[in-house]
Every structure is written in C-alpha cells, then in structure tokens.
PDB file of all heavy atoms in Angstrom:
ATOM      1  N   ASP A   1       0.843  -1.228  -0.017  1.00  0.00           N
ATOM      2  CA  ASP A   1      -0.046   0.000   0.004  1.00  0.00           C
ATOM      3  C   ASP A   1       0.879   1.212  -0.044  1.00  0.00           C
ATOM      4  O   ASP A   1       1.851   1.290   0.778  1.00  0.00           O
ATOM      5  CB  ASP A   1      -0.893   0.008   1.240  1.00  0.00           C
ATOM      6  CG  ASP A   1      -1.977  -1.057   1.238  1.00  0.00           C
ATOM      7  OD1 ASP A   1      -2.288  -1.586   0.128  1.00  0.00           O
ATOM      8  OD2 ASP A   1      -2.299  -1.565   2.373  1.00  0.00           O
ATOM      9  N   TYR A   2       0.557   2.173  -0.887  1.00  0.00           N
ATOM     10  CA  TYR A   2       1.389   3.397  -1.018  1.00  0.00           C
ATOM     11  C   TYR A   2       0.576   4.622  -0.654  1.00  0.00           C
ATOM     12  O   TYR A   2      -0.709   4.703  -0.742  1.00  0.00           O
ATOM     13  CB  TYR A   2       1.808   3.549  -2.460  1.00  0.00           C
ATOM     14  CG  TYR A   2       2.682   2.483  -3.063  1.00  0.00           C
ATOM     15  CD1 TYR A   2       2.155   1.448  -3.773  1.00  0.00           C
ATOM     16  CD2 TYR A   2       4.075   2.396  -2.775  1.00  0.00           C
ATOM     17  CE1 TYR A   2       2.934   0.428  -4.321  1.00  0.00           C
ATOM     18  CE2 TYR A   2       4.874   1.460  -3.316  1.00  0.00           C
ATOM     19  CZ  TYR A   2       4.269   0.445  -4.070  1.00  0.00           C
ATOM     20  OH  TYR A   2       5.081  -0.637  -4.599  1.00  0.00           O
ATOM     21  N   ALA A   3       1.280   5.732  -0.287  1.00  0.00           N
ATOM     22  CA  ALA A   3       0.675   6.989  -0.181  1.00  0.00           C
ATOM     23  C   ALA A   3       1.341   7.813  -1.274  1.00  0.00           C
ATOM     24  O   ALA A   3       2.488   8.475  -1.109  1.00  0.00           O
ATOM     25  CB  ALA A   3       1.063   7.594   1.222  1.00  0.00           C
ATOM     26  N   PRO A   4       0.714   7.843  -2.435  1.00  0.00           N
ATOM     27  CA  PRO A   4       1.271   8.568  -3.536  1.00  0.00           C
ATOM     28  C   PRO A   4       1.370  10.038  -3.343  1.00  0.00           C
ATOM     29  O   PRO A   4       0.548  10.643  -2.656  1.00  0.00           O
ATOM     30  CB  PRO A   4       0.363   8.252  -4.709  1.00  0.00           C
ATOM     31  CG  PRO A   4      -0.544   7.117  -4.256  1.00  0.00           C
ATOM     32  CD  PRO A   4      -0.594   7.234  -2.769  1.00  0.00           C
ATOM     33  N   GLU A   5       2.463  10.664  -3.930  1.00  0.00           N
ATOM     34  CA  GLU A   5       2.549  12.123  -3.930  1.00  0.00           C
ATOM     35  C   GLU A   5       2.636  12.599  -5.337  1.00  0.00           C
ATOM     36  O   GLU A   5       2.980  11.817  -6.297  1.00  0.00           O
ATOM     37  CB  GLU A   5       3.860  12.477  -3.182  1.00  0.00           C
ATOM     38  CG  GLU A   5       3.850  12.080  -1.648  1.00  0.00           C
ATOM     39  CD  GLU A   5       5.144  12.326  -1.033  1.00  0.00           C
ATOM     40  OE1 GLU A   5       6.085  12.916  -1.697  1.00  0.00           O
ATOM     41  OE2 GLU A   5       5.307  11.930   0.111  1.00  0.00           O
ATOM     42  N   ALA A   6       2.443  13.860  -5.617  1.00  0.00           N
ATOM     43  CA  ALA A   6       2.490  14.397  -6.916  1.00  0.00           C
ATOM     44  C   ALA A   6       3.940  14.192  -7.538  1.00  0.00           C
ATOM     45  O   ALA A   6       4.932  14.465  -6.838  1.00  0.00           O
ATOM     46  CB  ALA A   6       2.164  15.880  -6.975  1.00  0.00           C
ATOM     47  N   HIS A   7       4.003  13.744  -8.767  1.00  0.00           N
ATOM     48  CA  HIS A   7       5.331  13.508  -9.383  1.00  0.00           C
ATOM     49  C   HIS A   7       5.394  14.313 -10.651  1.00  0.00           C
ATOM     50  O   HIS A   7       4.465  14.791 -11.217  1.00  0.00           O
ATOM     51  CB  HIS A   7       5.549  11.937  -9.682  1.00  0.00           C
ATOM     52  CG  HIS A   7       4.491  11.470 -10.735  1.00  0.00           C
ATOM     53  ND1 HIS A   7       3.327  10.855 -10.286  1.00  0.00           N
ATOM     54  CD2 HIS A   7       4.501  11.476 -12.075  1.00  0.00           C
ATOM     55  CE1 HIS A   7       2.681  10.537 -11.394  1.00  0.00           C
ATOM     56  NE2 HIS A   7       3.336  10.934 -12.461  1.00  0.00           N
ATOM     57  N   GLU A   8       6.663  14.429 -11.085  1.00  0.00           N
ATOM     58  CA  GLU A   8       6.954  15.162 -12.334  1.00  0.00           C
ATOM     59  C   GLU A   8       7.951  14.438 -13.165  1.00  0.00           C
ATOM     60  O   GLU A   8       9.093  14.204 -12.759  1.00  0.00           O
ATOM     61  CB  GLU A   8       7.433  16.581 -12.090  1.00  0.00           C
ATOM     62  CG  GLU A   8       7.448  17.476 -13.403  1.00  0.00           C
ATOM     63  CD  GLU A   8       6.194  17.413 -14.162  1.00  0.00           C
ATOM     64  OE1 GLU A   8       5.238  18.108 -13.741  1.00  0.00           O
ATOM     65  OE2 GLU A   8       6.144  16.774 -15.211  1.00  0.00           O
ATOM     66  N   THR A   9       7.584  13.983 -14.390  1.00  0.00           N
ATOM     67  CA  THR A   9       8.471  13.253 -15.221  1.00  0.00           C
ATOM     68  C   THR A   9       8.571  13.849 -16.627  1.00  0.00           C
ATOM     69  O   THR A   9       9.184  13.262 -17.512  1.00  0.00           O
ATOM     70  CB  THR A   9       7.969  11.760 -15.426  1.00  0.00           C
ATOM     71  OG1 THR A   9       6.627  11.767 -15.872  1.00  0.00           O
ATOM     72  CG2 THR A   9       8.126  11.008 -14.078  1.00  0.00           C
ATOM     73  N   ASP A  10       7.970  14.954 -16.844  1.00  0.00           N
ATOM     74  CA  ASP A  10       7.992  15.623 -18.160  1.00  0.00           C
ATOM     75  C   ASP A  10       9.038  16.713 -18.242  1.00  0.00           C
ATOM     76  O   ASP A  10       8.911  17.791 -17.580  1.00  0.00           O
ATOM     77  CB  ASP A  10       6.549  16.217 -18.381  1.00  0.00           C
ATOM     78  CG  ASP A  10       6.365  16.632 -19.900  1.00  0.00           C
ATOM     79  OD1 ASP A  10       7.298  16.945 -20.523  1.00  0.00           O
ATOM     80  OD2 ASP A  10       5.181  16.762 -20.238  1.00  0.00           O
ATOM     81  N   LEU A  11      10.088  16.475 -19.025  1.00  0.00           N
ATOM     82  CA  LEU A  11      11.183  17.427 -19.199  1.00  0.00           C
ATOM     83  C   LEU A  11      10.587  18.747 -19.715  1.00  0.00           C
ATOM     84  O   LEU A  11      11.046  19.840 -19.215  1.00  0.00           O
ATOM     85  CB  LEU A  11      12.236  16.830 -20.043  1.00  0.00           C
ATOM     86  CG  LEU A  11      13.408  17.780 -20.417  1.00  0.00           C
ATOM     87  CD1 LEU A  11      14.161  18.134 -19.114  1.00  0.00           C
ATOM     88  CD2 LEU A  11      14.309  17.076 -21.411  1.00  0.00           C
ATOM     89  N   ARG A  12       9.808  18.663 -20.745  1.00  0.00           N
ATOM     90  CA  ARG A  12       9.380  19.951 -21.406  1.00  0.00           C
ATOM     91  C   ARG A  12       8.575  20.795 -20.403  1.00  0.00           C
ATOM     92  O   ARG A  12       8.668  22.019 -20.288  1.00  0.00           O
ATOM     93  CB  ARG A  12       8.561  19.636 -22.666  1.00  0.00           C
ATOM     94  CG  ARG A  12       8.196  20.898 -23.455  1.00  0.00           C
ATOM     95  CD  ARG A  12       7.590  20.454 -24.745  1.00  0.00           C
ATOM     96  NE  ARG A  12       8.600  19.994 -25.686  1.00  0.00           N
ATOM     97  CZ  ARG A  12       9.360  20.700 -26.431  1.00  0.00           C
ATOM     98  NH1 ARG A  12       9.379  22.019 -26.363  1.00  0.00           N
ATOM     99  NH2 ARG A  12      10.234  20.098 -27.265  1.00  0.00           N
ATOM    100  N   ALA A  13       7.718  20.070 -19.602  1.00  0.00           N
ATOM    101  CA  ALA A  13       6.795  20.811 -18.626  1.00  0.00           C
ATOM    102  C   ALA A  13       7.617  21.465 -17.535  1.00  0.00           C
ATOM    103  O   ALA A  13       7.266  22.480 -16.993  1.00  0.00           O
ATOM    104  CB  ALA A  13       5.782  19.864 -18.034  1.00  0.00           C
ATOM    105  N   ARG A  14       8.819  20.838 -17.277  1.00  0.00           N
ATOM    106  CA  ARG A  14       9.621  21.404 -16.113  1.00  0.00           C
ATOM    107  C   ARG A  14      10.804  22.291 -16.707  1.00  0.00           C
ATOM    108  O   ARG A  14      11.767  22.514 -15.908  1.00  0.00           O
ATOM    109  CB  ARG A  14      10.163  20.206 -15.370  1.00  0.00           C
ATOM    110  CG  ARG A  14       9.121  19.398 -14.584  1.00  0.00           C
ATOM    111  CD  ARG A  14       8.739  19.966 -13.258  1.00  0.00           C
ATOM    112  NE  ARG A  14       9.884  19.999 -12.324  1.00  0.00           N
ATOM    113  CZ  ARG A  14       9.814  20.462 -11.115  1.00  0.00           C
ATOM    114  NH1 ARG A  14       8.745  21.110 -10.663  1.00  0.00           N
ATOM    115  NH2 ARG A  14      10.826  20.365 -10.274  1.00  0.00           N
ATOM    116  N   ARG A  15      10.827  22.502 -17.878  1.00  0.00           N
ATOM    117  CA  ARG A  15      11.982  23.219 -18.550  1.00  0.00           C
ATOM    118  C   ARG A  15      12.358  24.483 -17.837  1.00  0.00           C
ATOM    119  O   ARG A  15      13.517  24.852 -17.644  1.00  0.00           O
ATOM    120  CB  ARG A  15      11.662  23.522 -19.922  1.00  0.00           C
ATOM    121  CG  ARG A  15      12.802  24.090 -20.791  1.00  0.00           C
ATOM    122  CD  ARG A  15      12.404  24.227 -22.180  1.00  0.00           C
ATOM    123  NE  ARG A  15      13.570  24.480 -23.070  1.00  0.00           N
ATOM    124  CZ  ARG A  15      13.444  24.439 -24.429  1.00  0.00           C
ATOM    125  NH1 ARG A  15      12.332  24.092 -24.983  1.00  0.00           N
ATOM    126  NH2 ARG A  15      14.581  24.637 -25.119  1.00  0.00           N
ATOM    127  N   LYS A  16      11.409  25.272 -17.297  1.00  0.00           N
ATOM    128  CA  LYS A  16      11.730  26.489 -16.618  1.00  0.00           C
ATOM    129  C   LYS A  16      12.401  26.351 -15.296  1.00  0.00           C
ATOM    130  O   LYS A  16      12.900  27.262 -14.785  1.00  0.00           O
ATOM    131  CB  LYS A  16      10.443  27.339 -16.502  1.00  0.00           C
ATOM    132  CG  LYS A  16       9.842  27.829 -17.792  1.00  0.00           C
ATOM    133  CD  LYS A  16       8.645  28.686 -17.528  1.00  0.00           C
ATOM    134  CE  LYS A  16       8.092  29.220 -18.892  1.00  0.00           C
ATOM    135  NZ  LYS A  16       6.873  30.022 -18.692  1.00  0.00           N
ATOM    136  N   LYS A  17      12.441  25.050 -14.783  1.00  0.00           N
ATOM    137  CA  LYS A  17      13.135  24.717 -13.565  1.00  0.00           C
ATOM    138  C   LYS A  17      14.487  24.349 -13.807  1.00  0.00           C
ATOM    139  O   LYS A  17      15.208  23.922 -12.853  1.00  0.00           O
ATOM    140  CB  LYS A  17      12.364  23.605 -12.821  1.00  0.00           C
ATOM    141  CG  LYS A  17      10.913  23.939 -12.443  1.00  0.00           C
ATOM    142  CD  LYS A  17      10.728  24.998 -11.418  1.00  0.00           C
ATOM    143  CE  LYS A  17       9.334  25.187 -10.958  1.00  0.00           C
ATOM    144  NZ  LYS A  17       9.188  26.159  -9.956  1.00  0.00           N
ATOM    145  N   ALA A  18      15.020  24.462 -15.067  1.00  0.00           N
ATOM    146  CA  ALA A  18      16.344  24.000 -15.323  1.00  0.00           C
ATOM    147  C   ALA A  18      17.407  24.811 -14.570  1.00  0.00           C
ATOM    148  O   ALA A  18      17.278  26.036 -14.294  1.00  0.00           O
ATOM    149  CB  ALA A  18      16.661  24.141 -16.778  1.00  0.00           C
ATOM    150  N   ARG A  19      18.492  24.192 -14.084  1.00  0.00           N
ATOM    151  CA  ARG A  19      19.576  24.855 -13.321  1.00  0.00           C
ATOM    152  C   ARG A  19      20.884  24.370 -13.789  1.00  0.00           C
ATOM    153  O   ARG A  19      20.909  23.260 -14.421  1.00  0.00           O
ATOM    154  CB  ARG A  19      19.279  24.581 -11.874  1.00  0.00           C
ATOM    155  CG  ARG A  19      19.333  23.111 -11.443  1.00  0.00           C
ATOM    156  CD  ARG A  19      19.277  22.961  -9.950  1.00  0.00           C
ATOM    157  NE  ARG A  19      19.139  21.589  -9.496  1.00  0.00           N
ATOM    158  CZ  ARG A  19      20.102  20.677  -9.517  1.00  0.00           C
ATOM    159  NH1 ARG A  19      21.357  20.999  -9.921  1.00  0.00           N
ATOM    160  NH2 ARG A  19      19.871  19.393  -9.142  1.00  0.00           N
ATOM    161  N   SER A  20      21.913  25.000 -13.443  1.00  0.00           N
ATOM    162  CA  SER A  20      23.188  24.632 -13.757  1.00  0.00           C
ATOM    163  C   SER A  20      23.552  23.377 -12.860  1.00  0.00           C
ATOM    164  O   SER A  20      23.171  23.364 -11.672  1.00  0.00           O
ATOM    165  CB  SER A  20      24.260  25.670 -13.480  1.00  0.00           C
ATOM    166  OG  SER A  20      24.017  26.801 -14.436  1.00  0.00           O
ATOM    167  N   PRO A  21      24.258  22.419 -13.349  1.00  0.00           N
ATOM    168  CA  PRO A  21      24.530  21.191 -12.550  1.00  0.00           C
ATOM    169  C   PRO A  21      25.736  21.453 -11.569  1.00  0.00           C
ATOM    170  O   PRO A  21      26.461  22.507 -11.661  1.00  0.00           O
ATOM    171  CB  PRO A  21      25.037  20.190 -13.620  1.00  0.00           C
ATOM    172  CG  PRO A  21      25.522  20.990 -14.760  1.00  0.00           C
ATOM    173  CD  PRO A  21      24.708  22.312 -14.760  1.00  0.00           C
ATOM    174  N   GLY A  22      25.777  20.470 -10.626  1.00  0.00           N
ATOM    175  CA  GLY A  22      26.892  20.471  -9.681  1.00  0.00           C
ATOM    176  C   GLY A  22      28.226  20.027 -10.426  1.00  0.00           C
ATOM    177  O   GLY A  22      28.246  19.955 -11.636  1.00  0.00           O
ATOM    178  N   LYS A  23      29.112  19.599  -9.661  1.00  0.00           N
ATOM    179  CA  LYS A  23      30.408  19.206 -10.202  1.00  0.00           C
ATOM    180  C   LYS A  23      30.324  18.034 -11.055  1.00  0.00           C
ATOM    181  O   LYS A  23      30.864  17.890 -12.149  1.00  0.00           O
ATOM    182  CB  LYS A  23      31.392  18.900  -8.971  1.00  0.00           C
ATOM    183  CG  LYS A  23      32.818  18.496  -9.562  1.00  0.00           C
ATOM    184  CD  LYS A  23      33.677  18.122  -8.366  1.00  0.00           C
ATOM    185  CE  LYS A  23      35.082  17.645  -8.862  1.00  0.00           C
ATOM    186  NZ  LYS A  23      35.949  17.227  -7.733  1.00  0.00           N
ATOM    187  N   GLY A  24      29.476  17.059 -10.693  1.00  0.00           N
ATOM    188  CA  GLY A  24      29.296  15.867 -11.542  1.00  0.00           C
ATOM    189  C   GLY A  24      30.498  14.896 -11.397  1.00  0.00           C
ATOM    190  O   GLY A  24      31.268  14.905 -10.430  1.00  0.00           O
ATOM    191  N   LYS A  25      30.641  13.993 -12.367  1.00  0.00           N
ATOM    192  CA  LYS A  25      31.669  12.949 -12.314  1.00  0.00           C
ATOM    193  C   LYS A  25      33.045  13.578 -12.611  1.00  0.00           C
ATOM    194  O   LYS A  25      33.169  14.638 -13.226  1.00  0.00           O
ATOM    195  CB  LYS A  25      31.396  11.856 -13.360  1.00  0.00           C
ATOM    196  CG  LYS A  25      30.106  11.107 -13.129  1.00  0.00           C
ATOM    197  CD  LYS A  25      29.937  10.097 -14.233  1.00  0.00           C
ATOM    198  CE  LYS A  25      29.599  10.684 -15.563  1.00  0.00           C
ATOM    199  NZ  LYS A  25      29.188   9.810 -16.564  1.00  0.00           N
ATOM    200  N   ASP A  26      34.060  12.878 -12.095  1.00  0.00           N
ATOM    201  CA  ASP A  26      35.389  13.341 -12.367  1.00  0.00           C
ATOM    202  C   ASP A  26      35.587  13.277 -13.906  1.00  0.00           C
ATOM    203  O   ASP A  26      35.193  12.373 -14.598  1.00  0.00           O
ATOM    204  CB  ASP A  26      36.466  12.391 -11.727  1.00  0.00           C
ATOM    205  CG  ASP A  26      36.437  12.450 -10.226  1.00  0.00           C
ATOM    206  OD1 ASP A  26      36.011  13.469  -9.810  1.00  0.00           O
ATOM    207  OD2 ASP A  26      36.876  11.497  -9.595  1.00  0.00           O
ATOM    208  N   GLY A  27      36.230  14.391 -14.404  1.00  0.00           N
ATOM    209  CA  GLY A  27      36.484  14.436 -15.799  1.00  0.00           C
ATOM    210  C   GLY A  27      35.446  15.204 -16.647  1.00  0.00           C
ATOM    211  O   GLY A  27      35.608  15.438 -17.839  1.00  0.00           O
ATOM    212  N   PHE A  28      34.268  15.499 -16.000  1.00  0.00           N
ATOM    213  CA  PHE A  28      33.335  16.241 -16.747  1.00  0.00           C
ATOM    214  C   PHE A  28      33.726  17.617 -17.039  1.00  0.00           C
ATOM    215  O   PHE A  28      34.267  18.322 -16.148  1.00  0.00           O
ATOM    216  CB  PHE A  28      31.943  16.283 -15.975  1.00  0.00           C
ATOM    217  CG  PHE A  28      31.005  17.331 -16.565  1.00  0.00           C
ATOM    218  CD1 PHE A  28      30.325  16.959 -17.721  1.00  0.00           C
ATOM    219  CD2 PHE A  28      30.798  18.521 -16.000  1.00  0.00           C
ATOM    220  CE1 PHE A  28      29.363  17.846 -18.280  1.00  0.00           C
ATOM    221  CE2 PHE A  28      29.821  19.405 -16.528  1.00  0.00           C
ATOM    222  CZ  PHE A  28      29.187  19.044 -17.659  1.00  0.00           C
ATOM    223  N   GLU A  29      33.578  17.999 -18.283  1.00  0.00           N
ATOM    224  CA  GLU A  29      34.063  19.350 -18.711  1.00  0.00           C
ATOM    225  C   GLU A  29      32.830  20.173 -18.941  1.00  0.00           C
ATOM    226  O   GLU A  29      32.086  20.033 -19.970  1.00  0.00           O
ATOM    227  CB  GLU A  29      34.867  19.270 -19.936  1.00  0.00           C
ATOM    228  CG  GLU A  29      36.235  18.455 -19.745  1.00  0.00           C
ATOM    229  CD  GLU A  29      37.105  18.363 -20.967  1.00  0.00           C
ATOM    230  OE1 GLU A  29      36.735  19.038 -21.973  1.00  0.00           O
ATOM    231  OE2 GLU A  29      38.116  17.712 -20.994  1.00  0.00           O
ATOM    232  N   PRO A  30      32.626  21.242 -18.117  1.00  0.00           N
ATOM    233  CA  PRO A  30      31.452  22.123 -18.356  1.00  0.00           C
ATOM    234  C   PRO A  30      31.690  22.894 -19.582  1.00  0.00           C
ATOM    235  O   PRO A  30      32.859  22.973 -20.171  1.00  0.00           O
ATOM    236  CB  PRO A  30      31.565  23.027 -17.110  1.00  0.00           C
ATOM    237  CG  PRO A  30      32.943  22.960 -16.664  1.00  0.00           C
ATOM    238  CD  PRO A  30      33.464  21.635 -16.912  1.00  0.00           C
ATOM    239  N   PRO A  31      30.637  23.469 -20.104  1.00  0.00           N
ATOM    240  CA  PRO A  31      30.891  24.282 -21.396  1.00  0.00           C
ATOM    241  C   PRO A  31      31.861  25.417 -21.066  1.00  0.00           C
ATOM    242  O   PRO A  31      31.887  25.986 -19.943  1.00  0.00           O
ATOM    243  CB  PRO A  31      29.412  24.858 -21.613  1.00  0.00           C
ATOM    244  CG  PRO A  31      28.539  23.882 -20.926  1.00  0.00           C
ATOM    245  CD  PRO A  31      29.275  23.415 -19.723  1.00  0.00           C
ATOM    246  N   PRO A  32      32.701  25.715 -22.093  1.00  0.00           N
ATOM    247  CA  PRO A  32      33.638  26.748 -21.871  1.00  0.00           C
ATOM    248  C   PRO A  32      32.939  28.128 -21.787  1.00  0.00           C
ATOM    249  O   PRO A  32      31.782  28.241 -22.191  1.00  0.00           O
ATOM    250  CB  PRO A  32      34.528  26.789 -23.159  1.00  0.00           C
ATOM    251  CG  PRO A  32      33.632  26.064 -24.211  1.00  0.00           C
ATOM    252  CD  PRO A  32      32.724  25.181 -23.416  1.00  0.00           C
TER     253      PRO A  32
END
C-alpha cells in the first residue's frame, strides 16, 4: 500500500526549472 505524492516526469513541462549542474563525475568538462 502506497501513499502517492505528486510527481513530475515531463522534461518539457519542467523546462523553466532548469539549473546549472553540480560538479558531476570526475572528468566532466562544463561548457567553456
């Protein structure tokens, strides 16, 4: 039995929530 909560899986719908990423994996090169 679950207690569901509102979820969001739509990239386009959440596009305005985009943010710059953290450091990420070793070796990741952010855009210059």
